[in-house]
């Protein structure tokens, strides 16, 4: 296990169903139909059928000059403009009832994987927001420390998101994810005749 995988496994995820995470994060959905010539061809050329885009940002809150003359403030991280792009439907000619069920199962798996990105972002945000206030001797040092904390937080967010995709192979091995992230793999199993 890599150190990053150990970090991801140690993250405490907020409770809630995928639908509750979507509501809590005000997720917007976009997408298009994913259509191919056959079951095996529908995913051809699609490296990753879903994508979560999250704006991870920070700001200084409670910034003030203390009685000691030092400058203090809290660095607060937030998520904004959370968008999940995924297929609105998956299809190919002459689909059977079983084919429709498999396509629907794949869409649900993609949805779960992409909501997992939101869960990871929420967990990173919550851990960073639990940190103590920043203290510096003057406003310039405070500004530099705040910028450094913001960059460090953003880099951690990016690292955790990459690690989540590495651990799950972009959802294809979602069953390997910890806790609430675990779920069905984002693979489409086709009958051999297709």
N, C-alpha and C. Protein backbone atom coordinates (compact mmCIF):
# COMPACT_ATOMS: atom_id res chain seq x y z
N UNK A 1 0.84 -1.17 0.00
CA UNK A 1 0.00 0.00 0.00
C UNK A 1 0.89 1.24 0.00
N UNK A 2 0.61 2.17 -0.91
CA UNK A 2 1.39 3.40 -0.96
C UNK A 2 0.96 4.32 0.18
N UNK A 3 1.82 5.29 0.56
CA UNK A 3 1.42 6.23 1.61
C UNK A 3 0.13 6.98 1.26
N UNK A 4 -0.05 7.31 -0.02
CA UNK A 4 -1.26 8.02 -0.41
C UNK A 4 -2.49 7.13 -0.26
N UNK A 5 -2.37 5.86 -0.61
CA UNK A 5 -3.50 4.95 -0.43
C UNK A 5 -3.85 4.86 1.04
N UNK A 6 -2.85 4.80 1.91
CA UNK A 6 -3.10 4.76 3.34
C UNK A 6 -3.81 6.03 3.79
N UNK A 7 -3.43 7.18 3.23
CA UNK A 7 -4.08 8.44 3.56
C UNK A 7 -5.54 8.40 3.14
N UNK A 8 -5.81 7.95 1.92
CA UNK A 8 -7.19 7.88 1.45
C UNK A 8 -8.01 6.94 2.32
N UNK A 9 -7.45 5.83 2.71
CA UNK A 9 -8.18 4.88 3.54
C UNK A 9 -8.44 5.44 4.94
N UNK A 10 -7.65 6.41 5.37
CA UNK A 10 -7.81 6.98 6.71
C UNK A 10 -8.81 8.15 6.74
N UNK A 11 -9.24 8.61 5.58
CA UNK A 11 -10.17 9.75 5.53
C UNK A 11 -11.50 9.34 6.15
N UNK A 12 -12.07 10.26 6.89
CA UNK A 12 -13.39 10.04 7.48
C UNK A 12 -14.41 10.72 6.57
N UNK A 13 -15.30 9.91 6.01
CA UNK A 13 -16.29 10.42 5.07
C UNK A 13 -17.58 10.77 5.81
N UNK A 14 -18.20 11.87 5.40
CA UNK A 14 -19.47 12.27 5.99
C UNK A 14 -20.54 11.23 5.65
N UNK A 15 -21.47 11.07 6.55
CA UNK A 15 -22.54 10.11 6.36
C UNK A 15 -23.48 10.57 5.26
N UNK A 16 -24.24 9.65 4.76
CA UNK A 16 -25.28 9.99 3.78
C UNK A 16 -25.23 9.13 2.55
N UNK A 17 -26.37 9.01 1.94
CA UNK A 17 -26.47 8.28 0.68
C UNK A 17 -25.88 9.13 -0.44
N UNK A 18 -25.71 8.52 -1.60
CA UNK A 18 -25.23 9.28 -2.75
C UNK A 18 -26.16 10.45 -3.04
N UNK A 19 -27.48 10.22 -2.96
CA UNK A 19 -28.45 11.30 -3.22
C UNK A 19 -28.30 12.43 -2.20
N UNK A 20 -28.01 12.10 -0.95
CA UNK A 20 -27.81 13.13 0.07
C UNK A 20 -26.54 13.93 -0.20
N UNK A 21 -25.49 13.26 -0.66
CA UNK A 21 -24.25 13.96 -1.01
C UNK A 21 -24.51 14.92 -2.17
N UNK A 22 -25.25 14.46 -3.17
CA UNK A 22 -25.58 15.29 -4.33
C UNK A 22 -26.35 16.53 -3.90
N UNK A 23 -27.31 16.33 -3.01
CA UNK A 23 -28.11 17.46 -2.52
C UNK A 23 -27.26 18.41 -1.68
N UNK A 24 -26.47 17.85 -0.78
CA UNK A 24 -25.64 18.64 0.13
C UNK A 24 -24.63 19.51 -0.65
N UNK A 25 -24.06 18.95 -1.71
CA UNK A 25 -23.04 19.66 -2.49
C UNK A 25 -23.62 20.47 -3.65
N UNK A 26 -24.95 20.45 -3.80
CA UNK A 26 -25.61 21.17 -4.89
C UNK A 26 -25.02 20.78 -6.25
N UNK A 27 -24.92 19.47 -6.47
CA UNK A 27 -24.31 18.96 -7.70
C UNK A 27 -25.22 19.26 -8.89
N UNK A 28 -24.59 19.69 -9.97
CA UNK A 28 -25.27 19.90 -11.24
C UNK A 28 -24.84 18.75 -12.15
N UNK A 29 -25.78 18.22 -12.93
CA UNK A 29 -25.48 17.11 -13.83
C UNK A 29 -25.54 17.56 -15.28
N UNK A 30 -24.59 17.04 -16.06
CA UNK A 30 -24.60 17.24 -17.50
C UNK A 30 -24.29 15.89 -18.13
N UNK A 31 -24.56 15.77 -19.40
CA UNK A 31 -24.21 14.53 -20.08
C UNK A 31 -24.94 14.41 -21.40
N UNK A 32 -24.69 13.31 -22.03
CA UNK A 32 -25.31 13.00 -23.32
C UNK A 32 -25.49 11.49 -23.40
N UNK A 33 -26.27 11.07 -24.37
CA UNK A 33 -26.46 9.65 -24.59
C UNK A 33 -25.15 9.03 -25.06
N UNK A 34 -24.85 7.85 -24.55
CA UNK A 34 -23.68 7.10 -24.98
C UNK A 34 -24.20 5.95 -25.85
N UNK A 35 -23.96 6.06 -27.14
CA UNK A 35 -24.52 5.10 -28.10
C UNK A 35 -23.38 4.49 -28.90
N UNK A 36 -23.48 3.17 -29.12
CA UNK A 36 -22.47 2.47 -29.90
C UNK A 36 -23.10 1.45 -30.81
N UNK A 37 -22.28 0.83 -31.64
CA UNK A 37 -22.81 -0.14 -32.61
C UNK A 37 -23.20 -1.47 -31.96
N UNK A 38 -22.67 -1.73 -30.77
CA UNK A 38 -22.95 -2.99 -30.09
C UNK A 38 -22.63 -2.81 -28.61
N UNK A 39 -22.92 -3.83 -27.83
CA UNK A 39 -22.59 -3.78 -26.41
C UNK A 39 -21.08 -3.56 -26.22
N UNK A 40 -20.28 -4.33 -26.93
CA UNK A 40 -18.83 -4.20 -26.77
C UNK A 40 -18.32 -2.90 -27.38
N UNK A 41 -19.02 -2.35 -28.34
CA UNK A 41 -18.58 -1.13 -29.01
C UNK A 41 -19.03 0.15 -28.34
N UNK A 42 -20.00 0.06 -27.44
CA UNK A 42 -20.54 1.28 -26.85
C UNK A 42 -19.50 1.98 -25.97
N UNK A 43 -18.61 1.24 -25.35
CA UNK A 43 -17.59 1.85 -24.49
C UNK A 43 -16.26 2.06 -25.21
N UNK A 44 -16.16 1.59 -26.45
CA UNK A 44 -14.91 1.74 -27.21
C UNK A 44 -14.58 3.22 -27.38
N UNK A 45 -13.37 3.57 -27.09
CA UNK A 45 -12.92 4.95 -27.23
C UNK A 45 -13.34 5.86 -26.08
N UNK A 46 -13.98 5.29 -25.07
CA UNK A 46 -14.39 6.07 -23.91
C UNK A 46 -13.51 5.68 -22.75
N UNK A 47 -12.47 6.46 -22.51
CA UNK A 47 -11.53 6.14 -21.43
C UNK A 47 -12.21 6.20 -20.08
N UNK A 48 -13.04 7.20 -19.87
CA UNK A 48 -13.75 7.34 -18.61
C UNK A 48 -15.11 7.95 -18.93
N UNK A 49 -16.19 7.21 -18.72
CA UNK A 49 -17.52 7.69 -19.11
C UNK A 49 -18.11 8.77 -18.20
N UNK A 50 -17.47 9.05 -17.09
CA UNK A 50 -17.97 10.07 -16.18
C UNK A 50 -16.86 11.01 -15.76
N UNK A 51 -17.26 12.15 -15.23
CA UNK A 51 -16.28 13.14 -14.77
C UNK A 51 -16.93 13.99 -13.69
N UNK A 52 -16.21 14.21 -12.61
CA UNK A 52 -16.66 15.14 -11.57
C UNK A 52 -15.74 16.35 -11.61
N UNK A 53 -16.31 17.52 -11.76
CA UNK A 53 -15.55 18.77 -11.74
C UNK A 53 -15.94 19.52 -10.48
N UNK A 54 -14.95 19.87 -9.68
CA UNK A 54 -15.19 20.51 -8.39
C UNK A 54 -14.24 21.68 -8.24
N UNK A 55 -14.80 22.85 -7.95
CA UNK A 55 -13.94 24.00 -7.67
C UNK A 55 -13.67 24.00 -6.17
N UNK A 56 -12.41 23.77 -5.81
CA UNK A 56 -11.97 23.70 -4.41
C UNK A 56 -11.27 25.01 -4.12
N UNK A 57 -11.81 25.78 -3.21
CA UNK A 57 -11.26 27.12 -2.98
C UNK A 57 -11.15 27.41 -1.50
N UNK A 58 -10.44 28.49 -1.18
CA UNK A 58 -10.28 28.88 0.22
C UNK A 58 -10.42 30.38 0.35
N UNK A 59 -10.71 30.78 1.58
CA UNK A 59 -10.74 32.21 1.91
C UNK A 59 -10.37 32.35 3.38
N UNK A 60 -9.99 33.55 3.75
CA UNK A 60 -9.67 33.84 5.14
C UNK A 60 -10.94 34.33 5.81
N UNK A 61 -11.28 33.70 6.93
CA UNK A 61 -12.42 34.14 7.72
C UNK A 61 -11.92 34.47 9.12
N UNK A 62 -12.64 35.28 9.81
CA UNK A 62 -12.29 35.66 11.18
C UNK A 62 -10.90 36.30 11.25
N UNK A 63 -10.46 36.95 10.17
CA UNK A 63 -9.15 37.60 10.17
C UNK A 63 -9.19 38.88 11.00
N UNK A 64 -8.22 39.03 11.87
CA UNK A 64 -8.18 40.23 12.72
C UNK A 64 -6.80 40.39 13.33
N UNK A 65 -6.62 41.58 13.85
CA UNK A 65 -5.39 41.86 14.61
C UNK A 65 -5.71 41.62 16.08
N UNK A 66 -4.96 40.74 16.70
CA UNK A 66 -5.18 40.40 18.10
C UNK A 66 -4.62 41.48 19.01
N UNK A 67 -5.00 41.45 20.27
CA UNK A 67 -4.51 42.43 21.25
C UNK A 67 -2.99 42.39 21.36
N UNK A 68 -2.42 41.23 21.07
CA UNK A 68 -0.95 41.09 21.14
C UNK A 68 -0.26 41.78 19.97
N UNK A 69 -1.06 42.25 18.99
CA UNK A 69 -0.48 42.86 17.81
C UNK A 69 -0.27 41.88 16.67
N UNK A 70 -0.40 40.61 16.96
CA UNK A 70 -0.25 39.58 15.92
C UNK A 70 -1.54 39.49 15.11
N UNK A 71 -1.43 38.92 13.92
CA UNK A 71 -2.57 38.77 13.03
C UNK A 71 -3.02 37.31 13.06
N UNK A 72 -4.32 37.12 13.17
CA UNK A 72 -4.88 35.77 13.22
C UNK A 72 -6.04 35.66 12.24
N UNK A 73 -6.32 34.47 11.85
CA UNK A 73 -7.45 34.21 10.97
C UNK A 73 -7.60 32.73 10.70
N UNK A 74 -8.76 32.38 10.27
CA UNK A 74 -9.08 30.98 9.95
C UNK A 74 -9.10 30.84 8.44
N UNK A 75 -8.45 29.81 7.93
CA UNK A 75 -8.50 29.50 6.50
C UNK A 75 -9.66 28.53 6.32
N UNK A 76 -10.65 28.92 5.53
CA UNK A 76 -11.83 28.10 5.31
C UNK A 76 -11.87 27.64 3.86
N UNK A 77 -11.97 26.33 3.69
CA UNK A 77 -12.03 25.72 2.36
C UNK A 77 -13.49 25.41 2.02
N UNK A 78 -13.85 25.61 0.76
CA UNK A 78 -15.22 25.34 0.31
C UNK A 78 -15.19 24.64 -1.04
N UNK A 79 -16.31 23.99 -1.35
CA UNK A 79 -16.51 23.38 -2.66
C UNK A 79 -17.54 24.22 -3.39
N UNK A 80 -17.33 24.44 -4.67
CA UNK A 80 -18.28 25.22 -5.46
C UNK A 80 -18.34 24.66 -6.87
N UNK A 81 -19.39 25.00 -7.56
CA UNK A 81 -19.56 24.61 -8.97
C UNK A 81 -19.30 23.11 -9.17
N UNK A 82 -19.93 22.28 -8.36
CA UNK A 82 -19.73 20.84 -8.46
C UNK A 82 -20.61 20.32 -9.60
N UNK A 83 -19.97 19.74 -10.61
CA UNK A 83 -20.68 19.23 -11.78
C UNK A 83 -20.24 17.80 -12.05
N UNK A 84 -21.22 16.94 -12.24
CA UNK A 84 -20.94 15.56 -12.65
C UNK A 84 -21.44 15.40 -14.08
N UNK A 85 -20.53 14.96 -14.94
CA UNK A 85 -20.87 14.66 -16.32
C UNK A 85 -20.86 13.15 -16.47
N UNK A 86 -21.97 12.61 -16.97
CA UNK A 86 -22.08 11.16 -17.14
C UNK A 86 -23.12 10.88 -18.21
N UNK A 87 -23.13 9.65 -18.73
CA UNK A 87 -24.12 9.33 -19.77
C UNK A 87 -25.55 9.47 -19.24
N UNK A 88 -26.41 10.11 -20.05
CA UNK A 88 -27.82 10.18 -19.69
C UNK A 88 -28.51 8.86 -20.01
N UNK A 89 -27.98 8.16 -20.97
CA UNK A 89 -28.44 6.80 -21.28
C UNK A 89 -27.29 6.09 -22.00
N UNK A 90 -27.35 4.77 -22.00
CA UNK A 90 -26.34 3.95 -22.68
C UNK A 90 -27.10 2.96 -23.55
N UNK A 91 -26.77 2.90 -24.83
CA UNK A 91 -27.52 2.01 -25.70
C UNK A 91 -26.80 1.61 -26.96
N UNK A 92 -27.35 0.60 -27.59
CA UNK A 92 -26.87 0.09 -28.88
C UNK A 92 -28.06 -0.58 -29.55
N UNK A 93 -27.98 -0.86 -30.84
CA UNK A 93 -29.11 -1.48 -31.55
C UNK A 93 -29.48 -2.85 -30.98
N UNK A 94 -30.76 -3.13 -31.06
CA UNK A 94 -31.31 -4.44 -30.71
C UNK A 94 -31.01 -4.86 -29.26
N UNK A 95 -31.12 -3.93 -28.36
CA UNK A 95 -30.90 -4.25 -26.94
C UNK A 95 -32.04 -5.12 -26.42
N UNK A 96 -31.67 -6.09 -25.61
CA UNK A 96 -32.65 -6.93 -24.94
C UNK A 96 -32.99 -6.31 -23.58
N UNK A 97 -33.96 -6.88 -22.91
CA UNK A 97 -34.29 -6.41 -21.57
C UNK A 97 -33.06 -6.54 -20.65
N UNK A 98 -32.34 -7.65 -20.76
CA UNK A 98 -31.13 -7.85 -19.95
C UNK A 98 -30.06 -6.81 -20.30
N UNK A 99 -29.96 -6.44 -21.56
CA UNK A 99 -29.01 -5.40 -21.97
C UNK A 99 -29.36 -4.06 -21.31
N UNK A 100 -30.64 -3.72 -21.31
CA UNK A 100 -31.07 -2.47 -20.67
C UNK A 100 -30.74 -2.49 -19.18
N UNK A 101 -30.93 -3.63 -18.53
CA UNK A 101 -30.60 -3.75 -17.11
C UNK A 101 -29.11 -3.56 -16.88
N UNK A 102 -28.27 -4.16 -17.75
CA UNK A 102 -26.81 -3.99 -17.61
C UNK A 102 -26.40 -2.54 -17.84
N UNK A 103 -27.00 -1.90 -18.84
CA UNK A 103 -26.69 -0.49 -19.13
C UNK A 103 -27.10 0.41 -17.97
N UNK A 104 -28.27 0.13 -17.40
CA UNK A 104 -28.72 0.91 -16.25
C UNK A 104 -27.81 0.69 -15.04
N UNK A 105 -27.35 -0.55 -14.84
CA UNK A 105 -26.44 -0.85 -13.74
C UNK A 105 -25.12 -0.10 -13.94
N UNK A 106 -24.65 -0.01 -15.16
CA UNK A 106 -23.42 0.73 -15.45
C UNK A 106 -23.62 2.22 -15.14
N UNK A 107 -24.73 2.78 -15.55
CA UNK A 107 -25.00 4.20 -15.24
C UNK A 107 -25.00 4.43 -13.73
N UNK A 108 -25.62 3.54 -12.97
CA UNK A 108 -25.63 3.68 -11.51
C UNK A 108 -24.22 3.58 -10.94
N UNK A 109 -23.40 2.69 -11.50
CA UNK A 109 -22.01 2.55 -11.04
C UNK A 109 -21.19 3.81 -11.35
N UNK A 110 -21.39 4.37 -12.53
CA UNK A 110 -20.70 5.62 -12.89
C UNK A 110 -21.12 6.74 -11.94
N UNK A 111 -22.41 6.84 -11.69
CA UNK A 111 -22.94 7.84 -10.76
C UNK A 111 -22.29 7.69 -9.39
N UNK A 112 -22.23 6.47 -8.87
CA UNK A 112 -21.65 6.23 -7.56
C UNK A 112 -20.16 6.62 -7.53
N UNK A 113 -19.43 6.25 -8.58
CA UNK A 113 -18.00 6.60 -8.63
C UNK A 113 -17.81 8.11 -8.62
N UNK A 114 -18.58 8.81 -9.43
CA UNK A 114 -18.42 10.27 -9.52
C UNK A 114 -18.86 10.96 -8.23
N UNK A 115 -19.91 10.47 -7.59
CA UNK A 115 -20.30 11.01 -6.28
C UNK A 115 -19.18 10.74 -5.28
N UNK A 116 -18.45 9.65 -5.46
CA UNK A 116 -17.29 9.37 -4.61
C UNK A 116 -16.26 10.49 -4.67
N UNK A 117 -16.08 11.08 -5.83
CA UNK A 117 -15.16 12.23 -5.93
C UNK A 117 -15.65 13.38 -5.04
N UNK A 118 -16.95 13.58 -5.02
CA UNK A 118 -17.51 14.64 -4.17
C UNK A 118 -17.28 14.29 -2.70
N UNK A 119 -17.47 13.02 -2.33
CA UNK A 119 -17.23 12.59 -0.95
C UNK A 119 -15.77 12.83 -0.55
N UNK A 120 -14.84 12.50 -1.44
CA UNK A 120 -13.42 12.72 -1.14
C UNK A 120 -13.16 14.21 -0.95
N UNK A 121 -13.71 15.05 -1.83
CA UNK A 121 -13.52 16.50 -1.71
C UNK A 121 -14.11 17.02 -0.41
N UNK A 122 -15.29 16.53 -0.04
CA UNK A 122 -15.90 16.96 1.23
C UNK A 122 -15.02 16.57 2.42
N UNK A 123 -14.49 15.36 2.39
CA UNK A 123 -13.66 14.88 3.51
C UNK A 123 -12.39 15.70 3.63
N UNK A 124 -11.74 16.00 2.51
CA UNK A 124 -10.53 16.82 2.54
C UNK A 124 -10.88 18.21 3.06
N UNK A 125 -11.95 18.79 2.54
CA UNK A 125 -12.39 20.12 3.01
C UNK A 125 -12.63 20.11 4.53
N UNK A 126 -13.36 19.10 5.01
CA UNK A 126 -13.69 19.06 6.43
C UNK A 126 -12.45 18.90 7.31
N UNK A 127 -11.49 18.08 6.88
CA UNK A 127 -10.25 17.93 7.65
C UNK A 127 -9.44 19.22 7.66
N UNK A 128 -9.37 19.88 6.53
CA UNK A 128 -8.62 21.14 6.47
C UNK A 128 -9.30 22.23 7.30
N UNK A 129 -10.63 22.25 7.29
CA UNK A 129 -11.36 23.26 8.05
C UNK A 129 -11.29 23.04 9.56
N UNK A 130 -10.89 21.84 9.97
CA UNK A 130 -10.77 21.55 11.40
C UNK A 130 -9.44 22.04 11.98
N UNK A 131 -8.58 22.54 11.15
CA UNK A 131 -7.28 23.03 11.64
C UNK A 131 -7.43 24.30 12.46
N UNK A 132 -6.41 24.56 13.27
CA UNK A 132 -6.39 25.75 14.12
C UNK A 132 -6.27 27.02 13.29
N UNK A 133 -6.51 28.15 13.94
CA UNK A 133 -6.36 29.45 13.29
C UNK A 133 -4.88 29.68 12.97
N UNK A 134 -4.66 30.51 11.99
CA UNK A 134 -3.31 30.89 11.59
C UNK A 134 -2.91 32.12 12.38
N UNK A 135 -1.67 32.18 12.83
CA UNK A 135 -1.17 33.34 13.58
C UNK A 135 0.14 33.78 12.95
N UNK A 136 0.27 35.08 12.73
CA UNK A 136 1.51 35.62 12.13
C UNK A 136 1.81 36.98 12.76
N UNK A 137 3.08 37.39 12.71
CA UNK A 137 3.47 38.64 13.37
C UNK A 137 2.97 39.91 12.68
N UNK A 138 2.70 39.86 11.38
CA UNK A 138 2.26 41.06 10.67
C UNK A 138 1.37 40.65 9.50
N UNK A 139 0.69 41.62 8.88
CA UNK A 139 -0.24 41.27 7.80
C UNK A 139 0.43 40.63 6.59
N UNK A 140 1.67 40.99 6.30
CA UNK A 140 2.37 40.41 5.15
C UNK A 140 2.69 38.93 5.41
N UNK A 141 3.18 38.64 6.60
CA UNK A 141 3.47 37.25 6.96
C UNK A 141 2.18 36.44 7.02
N UNK A 142 1.10 37.08 7.51
CA UNK A 142 -0.18 36.38 7.56
C UNK A 142 -0.66 36.05 6.15
N UNK A 143 -0.57 37.02 5.24
CA UNK A 143 -0.98 36.79 3.85
C UNK A 143 -0.19 35.66 3.21
N UNK A 144 1.12 35.65 3.44
CA UNK A 144 1.97 34.60 2.87
C UNK A 144 1.61 33.24 3.47
N UNK A 145 1.38 33.20 4.78
CA UNK A 145 1.01 31.93 5.43
C UNK A 145 -0.36 31.45 4.94
N UNK A 146 -1.30 32.37 4.76
CA UNK A 146 -2.64 32.00 4.27
C UNK A 146 -2.55 31.46 2.85
N UNK A 147 -1.77 32.11 2.00
CA UNK A 147 -1.59 31.62 0.63
C UNK A 147 -0.94 30.24 0.62
N UNK A 148 0.05 30.04 1.47
CA UNK A 148 0.72 28.73 1.54
C UNK A 148 -0.25 27.66 2.02
N UNK A 149 -1.07 27.98 3.02
CA UNK A 149 -2.06 27.01 3.51
C UNK A 149 -3.10 26.71 2.44
N UNK A 150 -3.49 27.72 1.69
CA UNK A 150 -4.45 27.52 0.59
C UNK A 150 -3.88 26.63 -0.50
N UNK A 151 -2.63 26.89 -0.88
CA UNK A 151 -1.98 26.05 -1.91
C UNK A 151 -1.83 24.62 -1.41
N UNK A 152 -1.41 24.47 -0.16
CA UNK A 152 -1.24 23.13 0.41
C UNK A 152 -2.58 22.38 0.42
N UNK A 153 -3.64 23.07 0.79
CA UNK A 153 -4.97 22.44 0.80
C UNK A 153 -5.41 22.03 -0.59
N UNK A 154 -5.19 22.91 -1.57
CA UNK A 154 -5.57 22.58 -2.94
C UNK A 154 -4.75 21.41 -3.47
N UNK A 155 -3.46 21.39 -3.17
CA UNK A 155 -2.61 20.27 -3.60
C UNK A 155 -3.06 18.97 -2.95
N UNK A 156 -3.45 19.03 -1.69
CA UNK A 156 -3.94 17.82 -1.03
C UNK A 156 -5.23 17.34 -1.69
N UNK A 157 -6.15 18.25 -1.98
CA UNK A 157 -7.38 17.91 -2.68
C UNK A 157 -7.07 17.20 -3.99
N UNK A 158 -6.18 17.76 -4.79
CA UNK A 158 -5.81 17.14 -6.06
C UNK A 158 -5.19 15.76 -5.85
N UNK A 159 -4.32 15.63 -4.87
CA UNK A 159 -3.65 14.35 -4.56
C UNK A 159 -4.68 13.29 -4.17
N UNK A 160 -5.60 13.64 -3.29
CA UNK A 160 -6.61 12.68 -2.83
C UNK A 160 -7.53 12.26 -3.98
N UNK A 161 -7.88 13.20 -4.85
CA UNK A 161 -8.72 12.88 -6.00
C UNK A 161 -7.99 11.91 -6.94
N UNK A 162 -6.72 12.18 -7.20
CA UNK A 162 -5.92 11.28 -8.06
C UNK A 162 -5.80 9.91 -7.42
N UNK A 163 -5.57 9.89 -6.09
CA UNK A 163 -5.42 8.62 -5.38
C UNK A 163 -6.70 7.80 -5.42
N UNK A 164 -7.83 8.47 -5.29
CA UNK A 164 -9.13 7.78 -5.39
C UNK A 164 -9.27 7.12 -6.76
N UNK A 165 -8.94 7.85 -7.82
CA UNK A 165 -9.01 7.27 -9.17
C UNK A 165 -7.99 6.15 -9.35
N UNK A 166 -6.80 6.31 -8.78
CA UNK A 166 -5.79 5.26 -8.89
C UNK A 166 -6.23 4.00 -8.16
N UNK A 167 -6.76 4.16 -6.96
CA UNK A 167 -7.21 3.02 -6.17
C UNK A 167 -8.34 2.27 -6.85
N UNK A 168 -9.26 2.99 -7.48
CA UNK A 168 -10.43 2.36 -8.09
C UNK A 168 -10.28 2.16 -9.60
N UNK A 169 -9.13 2.51 -10.16
CA UNK A 169 -8.93 2.46 -11.61
C UNK A 169 -10.07 3.21 -12.31
N UNK A 170 -10.32 4.43 -11.86
CA UNK A 170 -11.37 5.30 -12.41
C UNK A 170 -12.74 4.63 -12.34
N UNK A 171 -12.95 3.83 -11.30
CA UNK A 171 -14.25 3.18 -11.09
C UNK A 171 -14.31 1.74 -11.55
N UNK A 172 -13.38 1.34 -12.40
CA UNK A 172 -13.42 -0.03 -12.92
C UNK A 172 -13.16 -1.06 -11.81
N UNK A 173 -12.58 -0.62 -10.69
CA UNK A 173 -12.35 -1.49 -9.52
C UNK A 173 -12.93 -0.80 -8.28
N UNK A 174 -14.13 -0.29 -8.40
CA UNK A 174 -14.76 0.46 -7.33
C UNK A 174 -14.92 -0.39 -6.06
N UNK A 175 -15.00 -1.68 -6.23
CA UNK A 175 -15.16 -2.57 -5.07
C UNK A 175 -13.96 -2.48 -4.12
N UNK A 176 -12.83 -1.96 -4.58
CA UNK A 176 -11.64 -1.85 -3.74
C UNK A 176 -11.65 -0.60 -2.84
N UNK A 177 -12.58 0.30 -3.08
CA UNK A 177 -12.62 1.55 -2.33
C UNK A 177 -13.08 1.31 -0.89
N UNK A 178 -12.65 2.18 0.02
CA UNK A 178 -13.04 2.02 1.43
C UNK A 178 -14.44 2.56 1.72
N UNK A 179 -15.06 1.99 2.72
CA UNK A 179 -16.31 2.50 3.28
C UNK A 179 -17.38 2.84 2.28
N UNK A 180 -17.93 4.04 2.42
CA UNK A 180 -19.04 4.49 1.57
C UNK A 180 -18.65 4.61 0.11
N UNK A 181 -17.35 4.64 -0.18
CA UNK A 181 -16.91 4.74 -1.58
C UNK A 181 -17.03 3.40 -2.31
N UNK A 182 -17.00 2.30 -1.59
CA UNK A 182 -17.07 0.99 -2.22
C UNK A 182 -18.40 0.84 -2.96
N UNK A 183 -18.36 0.14 -4.06
CA UNK A 183 -19.59 -0.06 -4.83
C UNK A 183 -19.32 -0.90 -6.05
N UNK A 184 -20.29 -0.93 -6.95
CA UNK A 184 -20.14 -1.73 -8.16
C UNK A 184 -19.09 -1.12 -9.10
N UNK A 185 -18.40 -1.98 -9.81
CA UNK A 185 -17.39 -1.54 -10.76
C UNK A 185 -18.06 -0.93 -11.99
N UNK A 186 -17.39 0.05 -12.60
CA UNK A 186 -17.93 0.71 -13.78
C UNK A 186 -17.51 -0.04 -15.04
N UNK A 187 -17.97 -1.26 -15.14
CA UNK A 187 -17.67 -2.09 -16.30
C UNK A 187 -18.99 -2.61 -16.87
N UNK A 188 -19.01 -2.80 -18.16
CA UNK A 188 -20.17 -3.34 -18.84
C UNK A 188 -19.83 -4.74 -19.30
N UNK A 189 -20.53 -5.72 -18.77
CA UNK A 189 -20.30 -7.12 -19.12
C UNK A 189 -21.25 -7.47 -20.24
N UNK A 190 -20.71 -7.77 -21.41
CA UNK A 190 -21.53 -8.08 -22.58
C UNK A 190 -21.60 -9.58 -22.79
N UNK A 191 -22.71 -10.02 -23.36
CA UNK A 191 -22.79 -11.42 -23.76
C UNK A 191 -21.78 -11.64 -24.88
N UNK A 192 -21.21 -12.81 -24.94
CA UNK A 192 -20.16 -13.09 -25.93
C UNK A 192 -20.65 -12.94 -27.37
N UNK A 193 -21.95 -13.08 -27.62
CA UNK A 193 -22.48 -12.96 -28.98
C UNK A 193 -22.47 -11.52 -29.49
N UNK A 194 -22.24 -10.58 -28.61
CA UNK A 194 -22.25 -9.18 -29.04
C UNK A 194 -20.85 -8.71 -29.23
